[in-house]
N, C-alpha and C. Protein backbone atom coordinates (compact mmCIF):
# COMPACT_ATOMS: atom_id res chain seq x y z
N MET A 1 -20.34 3.01 -35.29
CA MET A 1 -21.00 1.92 -35.34
C MET A 1 -19.50 1.00 -35.17
N LYS A 2 -18.11 1.13 -36.21
CA LYS A 2 -17.31 0.36 -36.14
C LYS A 2 -16.48 0.49 -34.68
N LYS A 3 -15.98 1.54 -34.02
CA LYS A 3 -15.67 1.92 -32.91
C LYS A 3 -16.53 1.38 -31.82
N LEU A 4 -17.99 0.96 -31.78
CA LEU A 4 -18.14 0.31 -30.67
C LEU A 4 -18.23 -1.25 -30.92
N GLY A 5 -17.77 -1.30 -32.04
CA GLY A 5 -17.52 -2.58 -32.81
C GLY A 5 -16.23 -3.48 -32.19
N PHE A 6 -15.50 -2.58 -32.49
CA PHE A 6 -13.71 -2.91 -32.12
C PHE A 6 -13.66 -2.30 -30.17
N SER A 7 -14.25 -1.99 -29.88
CA SER A 7 -14.32 -1.71 -28.26
C SER A 7 -14.99 -3.12 -28.06
N LEU A 8 -15.59 -3.90 -28.00
CA LEU A 8 -16.51 -5.40 -28.14
C LEU A 8 -15.94 -5.92 -27.77
N LEU A 9 -15.03 -6.22 -29.10
CA LEU A 9 -14.21 -7.08 -29.15
C LEU A 9 -12.94 -6.84 -28.47
N PHE A 10 -12.37 -5.70 -28.33
CA PHE A 10 -11.42 -5.23 -26.92
C PHE A 10 -11.69 -6.16 -25.80
N ILE A 11 -12.80 -5.32 -25.11
CA ILE A 11 -13.19 -6.38 -24.04
C ILE A 11 -13.32 -7.42 -24.10
N ILE A 12 -14.01 -8.52 -25.04
CA ILE A 12 -14.12 -9.77 -25.02
C ILE A 12 -12.53 -10.37 -24.89
N LEU A 13 -11.89 -9.72 -25.63
CA LEU A 13 -10.91 -10.58 -25.82
C LEU A 13 -10.11 -10.39 -24.68
N MET A 14 -9.75 -8.96 -24.26
CA MET A 14 -9.18 -8.88 -22.77
C MET A 14 -9.80 -10.01 -21.81
N GLY A 15 -11.24 -9.91 -21.80
CA GLY A 15 -11.78 -10.60 -20.80
C GLY A 15 -11.31 -12.68 -20.83
N CYS A 16 -11.22 -12.81 -21.95
CA CYS A 16 -9.77 -14.14 -22.28
C CYS A 16 -9.01 -14.27 -21.57
N GLY A 17 -8.34 -13.24 -22.05
CA GLY A 17 -6.82 -13.35 -21.47
C GLY A 17 -6.82 -13.30 -19.77
N VAL A 18 -7.47 -12.46 -18.94
CA VAL A 18 -7.54 -12.53 -17.79
C VAL A 18 -7.98 -13.79 -16.85
N ASN A 19 -8.75 -14.42 -17.90
CA ASN A 19 -9.15 -15.42 -17.05
C ASN A 19 -8.12 -16.75 -17.50
N GLN A 20 -7.59 -16.62 -18.79
CA GLN A 20 -6.14 -17.46 -18.78
C GLN A 20 -5.06 -17.30 -17.52
N ASP A 21 -5.04 -15.81 -17.73
CA ASP A 21 -3.88 -15.80 -16.34
C ASP A 21 -4.85 -16.00 -15.31
N THR A 22 -5.52 -15.73 -14.93
CA THR A 22 -6.11 -16.63 -13.30
C THR A 22 -5.59 -17.95 -13.69
N GLU A 23 -6.25 -18.81 -14.54
CA GLU A 23 -5.88 -20.04 -14.51
C GLU A 23 -4.53 -20.35 -14.39
N ARG A 24 -4.03 -19.54 -15.14
CA ARG A 24 -2.18 -19.97 -15.29
C ARG A 24 -1.61 -19.69 -13.57
N ILE A 25 -1.85 -18.73 -13.20
CA ILE A 25 -1.56 -18.34 -11.65
C ILE A 25 -2.06 -19.13 -10.61
N GLU A 26 -3.07 -20.16 -10.87
CA GLU A 26 -4.12 -20.82 -10.11
C GLU A 26 -3.08 -22.28 -9.61
N LYS A 27 -2.87 -22.42 -11.48
CA LYS A 27 -1.87 -23.82 -11.52
C LYS A 27 -0.37 -23.35 -10.82
N ALA A 28 0.25 -22.57 -11.36
CA ALA A 28 1.02 -22.19 -10.41
C ALA A 28 1.53 -22.03 -9.06
N LYS A 29 0.44 -21.77 -8.04
CA LYS A 29 0.05 -21.62 -6.98
C LYS A 29 0.32 -23.10 -6.45
N ALA A 30 -0.23 -24.01 -7.18
CA ALA A 30 -0.87 -25.32 -6.42
C ALA A 30 0.55 -26.08 -7.09
N SER A 31 1.15 -25.94 -8.16
CA SER A 31 2.62 -26.06 -8.73
C SER A 31 3.70 -25.62 -7.22
N VAL A 32 3.62 -24.61 -7.00
CA VAL A 32 4.89 -23.92 -5.73
C VAL A 32 4.27 -24.62 -4.56
N GLU A 33 3.25 -24.56 -3.91
CA GLU A 33 2.38 -25.22 -2.46
C GLU A 33 2.92 -26.15 -2.88
N SER A 34 2.69 -27.55 -3.69
CA SER A 34 3.07 -28.42 -3.53
C SER A 34 4.23 -29.18 -3.64
N TYR A 35 5.32 -28.33 -4.42
CA TYR A 35 6.94 -28.06 -3.96
C TYR A 35 7.34 -27.76 -2.80
N ILE A 36 6.99 -26.76 -2.15
CA ILE A 36 7.48 -26.74 -0.69
C ILE A 36 7.09 -27.88 0.19
N ILE A 37 5.69 -28.16 -0.25
CA ILE A 37 5.42 -29.03 0.98
C ILE A 37 5.88 -29.99 1.03
N ASN A 38 6.33 -31.21 -0.47
CA ASN A 38 7.23 -32.16 -0.72
C ASN A 38 8.67 -32.24 -0.58
N ASN A 39 9.24 -30.69 -0.59
CA ASN A 39 10.40 -30.63 0.00
C ASN A 39 11.26 -29.94 1.18
N TYR A 40 10.48 -29.69 1.94
CA TYR A 40 10.75 -28.52 3.28
C TYR A 40 10.44 -28.85 4.18
N GLN A 41 10.89 -29.29 5.57
CA GLN A 41 10.21 -29.67 6.36
C GLN A 41 9.67 -28.90 7.44
N ASN A 42 8.45 -29.44 8.15
CA ASN A 42 7.69 -28.94 8.67
C ASN A 42 6.96 -27.83 8.33
N ILE A 43 6.30 -28.11 6.98
CA ILE A 43 5.50 -27.32 6.51
C ILE A 43 4.12 -27.00 6.90
N GLU A 44 3.81 -25.70 7.70
CA GLU A 44 2.25 -26.01 8.10
C GLU A 44 1.67 -25.14 6.93
N ILE A 45 1.78 -24.19 6.64
CA ILE A 45 1.06 -23.37 5.62
C ILE A 45 1.62 -22.59 4.76
N VAL A 46 1.07 -22.45 3.36
CA VAL A 46 2.01 -22.02 2.28
C VAL A 46 0.94 -20.84 1.75
N GLU A 47 1.36 -19.41 2.06
CA GLU A 47 0.12 -18.32 1.74
C GLU A 47 0.91 -17.70 0.12
N PHE A 48 0.40 -16.87 -0.25
CA PHE A 48 0.94 -16.81 -1.41
C PHE A 48 0.07 -14.65 -1.28
N LYS A 49 1.13 -13.64 -1.71
CA LYS A 49 0.83 -12.27 -1.87
C LYS A 49 -0.24 -12.25 -3.37
N GLU A 50 -1.25 -11.40 -3.28
CA GLU A 50 -2.13 -11.06 -4.02
C GLU A 50 -1.70 -10.87 -5.50
N SER A 51 -0.44 -10.24 -5.68
CA SER A 51 -0.13 -9.85 -6.77
C SER A 51 0.99 -10.55 -7.46
N PRO A 52 1.07 -11.25 -8.27
CA PRO A 52 2.29 -12.15 -8.77
C PRO A 52 2.75 -11.34 -9.70
N SER A 53 3.79 -11.34 -10.35
CA SER A 53 4.60 -10.55 -11.10
C SER A 53 5.01 -11.53 -12.56
N ALA A 54 5.38 -11.11 -13.76
CA ALA A 54 5.73 -11.70 -15.13
C ALA A 54 6.76 -11.50 -15.84
N PRO A 55 7.95 -10.95 -14.86
CA PRO A 55 8.87 -10.28 -15.61
C PRO A 55 9.58 -11.55 -16.85
N MET A 56 9.27 -10.88 -18.53
CA MET A 56 10.37 -11.76 -19.36
C MET A 56 9.55 -12.78 -19.19
N GLY A 57 8.05 -13.04 -19.04
CA GLY A 57 7.03 -14.02 -19.30
C GLY A 57 7.32 -15.33 -18.37
N ARG A 58 8.06 -14.85 -17.49
CA ARG A 58 8.16 -16.06 -16.27
C ARG A 58 7.73 -15.41 -15.23
N LEU A 59 6.65 -16.30 -14.60
CA LEU A 59 5.52 -15.94 -13.35
C LEU A 59 6.74 -16.20 -12.11
N VAL A 60 6.48 -14.94 -11.16
CA VAL A 60 7.32 -15.04 -10.24
C VAL A 60 5.83 -14.69 -9.14
N LEU A 61 5.83 -15.72 -8.00
CA LEU A 61 4.91 -15.71 -7.12
C LEU A 61 5.74 -15.39 -5.60
N GLU A 62 5.21 -14.62 -4.64
CA GLU A 62 6.20 -14.53 -3.53
C GLU A 62 5.29 -14.54 -2.63
N GLY A 63 5.09 -14.92 -1.37
CA GLY A 63 4.64 -15.90 -0.61
C GLY A 63 5.31 -15.63 1.45
N THR A 64 4.67 -16.43 1.77
CA THR A 64 4.81 -16.83 3.27
C THR A 64 5.11 -18.14 3.32
N VAL A 65 5.94 -19.00 4.10
CA VAL A 65 5.62 -20.48 4.69
C VAL A 65 5.43 -20.17 6.25
N ASN A 66 4.48 -20.98 7.04
CA ASN A 66 4.42 -21.14 8.39
C ASN A 66 4.11 -19.78 9.09
N LYS A 67 3.46 -18.69 8.40
CA LYS A 67 3.33 -17.47 8.31
C LYS A 67 4.20 -16.03 9.23
N LYS A 68 5.36 -16.75 8.70
CA LYS A 68 6.62 -16.08 8.94
C LYS A 68 8.03 -15.89 7.97
N ALA A 69 8.23 -16.66 7.28
CA ALA A 69 9.68 -17.30 6.69
C ALA A 69 9.21 -16.73 5.12
N THR A 70 9.46 -15.55 4.82
CA THR A 70 9.35 -15.26 2.86
C THR A 70 10.06 -15.84 2.16
N PHE A 71 9.56 -16.12 0.43
CA PHE A 71 9.88 -16.64 0.08
C PHE A 71 9.29 -15.56 -1.42
N THR A 72 10.48 -16.07 -2.38
CA THR A 72 10.39 -15.63 -4.16
C THR A 72 10.43 -16.47 -4.81
N ILE A 73 9.44 -17.05 -5.89
CA ILE A 73 9.93 -18.24 -6.60
C ILE A 73 9.68 -18.02 -8.20
N GLY A 74 10.32 -18.38 -8.82
CA GLY A 74 9.95 -18.75 -10.27
C GLY A 74 9.45 -19.42 -10.88
N VAL A 75 8.78 -19.24 -11.66
CA VAL A 75 7.84 -20.66 -12.11
C VAL A 75 8.31 -20.44 -13.79
N ASN A 76 8.70 -21.53 -14.35
CA ASN A 76 8.69 -22.12 -15.49
C ASN A 76 7.41 -21.98 -16.28
N GLY A 77 7.48 -22.06 -17.82
CA GLY A 77 6.59 -22.34 -18.57
C GLY A 77 5.44 -23.47 -18.14
N ASP A 78 6.41 -24.77 -17.69
CA ASP A 78 5.72 -25.69 -17.31
C ASP A 78 5.14 -26.09 -16.32
N PHE A 79 5.86 -25.06 -15.03
CA PHE A 79 4.63 -25.05 -13.92
C PHE A 79 5.92 -25.28 -12.70
N THR A 80 7.00 -25.82 -12.80
CA THR A 80 7.75 -26.50 -12.25
C THR A 80 8.56 -25.08 -12.01
N VAL A 81 9.41 -25.33 -10.81
CA VAL A 81 10.18 -24.21 -10.08
C VAL A 81 11.48 -24.42 -10.78
N GLY A 82 11.33 -23.11 -11.28
CA GLY A 82 12.50 -22.40 -11.87
C GLY A 82 13.90 -22.21 -10.99
N SER A 83 13.17 -21.32 -10.06
CA SER A 83 13.84 -20.92 -8.70
C SER A 83 13.91 -20.25 -7.92
N ILE A 84 14.27 -20.30 -6.49
CA ILE A 84 13.46 -19.62 -5.60
C ILE A 84 14.72 -18.75 -4.49
N GLY A 85 13.85 -17.93 -4.00
CA GLY A 85 14.73 -17.21 -2.99
C GLY A 85 13.90 -17.63 -1.56
N MET A 86 14.76 -17.62 -0.76
CA MET A 86 13.96 -18.30 1.07
C MET A 86 14.75 -16.66 1.79
N GLY A 87 13.32 -16.41 2.99
CA GLY A 87 13.83 -15.21 3.76
C GLY A 87 14.52 -16.18 4.94
N GLU A 88 14.80 -15.47 5.90
CA GLU A 88 15.15 -15.78 7.26
C GLU A 88 14.16 -17.29 7.77
N GLY A 89 14.68 -17.91 8.49
CA GLY A 89 13.75 -18.75 9.17
C GLY A 89 13.06 -19.54 7.78
N PHE A 90 13.13 -19.67 6.25
CA PHE A 90 12.76 -20.76 5.60
C PHE A 90 12.69 -22.48 6.42
N PRO A 91 11.91 -23.06 5.92
CA PRO A 91 12.33 -24.28 6.98
C PRO A 91 13.69 -25.11 6.05
N GLU A 92 14.10 -25.74 6.62
CA GLU A 92 15.22 -26.89 6.14
C GLU A 92 14.96 -27.90 4.98
N MET A 93 15.84 -28.10 3.74
CA MET A 93 15.06 -29.12 3.00
C MET A 93 15.35 -30.50 3.41
N LYS A 94 14.00 -30.89 3.32
CA LYS A 94 14.23 -32.66 3.57
C LYS A 94 15.16 -33.36 3.12
N GLU A 95 16.45 -33.93 3.84
CA GLU A 95 17.51 -34.91 3.48
C GLU A 95 17.11 -35.44 2.35
N ALA A 96 16.11 -36.47 2.37
CA ALA A 96 15.84 -37.11 1.16
C ALA A 96 15.96 -36.48 -0.13
N CYS A 97 15.89 -34.91 -0.26
CA CYS A 97 15.37 -33.97 -0.93
C CYS A 97 16.58 -33.47 -1.55
N LYS A 98 17.65 -33.38 -0.70
CA LYS A 98 19.07 -32.63 -1.03
C LYS A 98 19.45 -33.05 -2.10
N GLU A 99 19.59 -33.98 -2.60
CA GLU A 99 20.14 -34.50 -4.00
C GLU A 99 19.42 -34.52 -4.92
N GLN A 100 18.45 -34.54 -4.87
CA GLN A 100 16.99 -34.97 -6.42
C GLN A 100 15.87 -34.26 -5.39
N ILE A 101 15.26 -33.14 -6.58
CA ILE A 101 13.50 -32.76 -5.78
C ILE A 101 12.83 -33.79 -5.86
N CYS A 102 11.90 -33.86 -4.48
CA CYS A 102 10.89 -35.17 -4.23
C CYS A 102 9.69 -34.39 -4.65
N GLY A 103 9.02 -34.81 -5.47
CA GLY A 103 7.46 -34.68 -6.23
C GLY A 103 7.58 -32.50 -6.11
N SER A 104 6.86 -32.45 -7.24
CA SER A 104 6.14 -31.11 -7.42
C SER A 104 5.14 -30.70 -6.96
């Protein structure tokens, strides 16, 4: 009986964790998409790979811009962009955003 209670509690707690992770990932994706659109030229579409990683607690999202240029972006705990790695062909930064980040 105790094993059944423990198993149910474990399942419930894991379910809550998954829901929070899903919310966290969706919020991070929205922040990254906004950052890219606001700061880079000629953005038509931002797509994400389905499996973000979280080394050292920091969420890392990977994807493509305009269906060709790849990116890897580290997202801080407050959902701001902490770092960005851009693949070949990634759009140029907007001139107005080079000295100060434009919205996110």
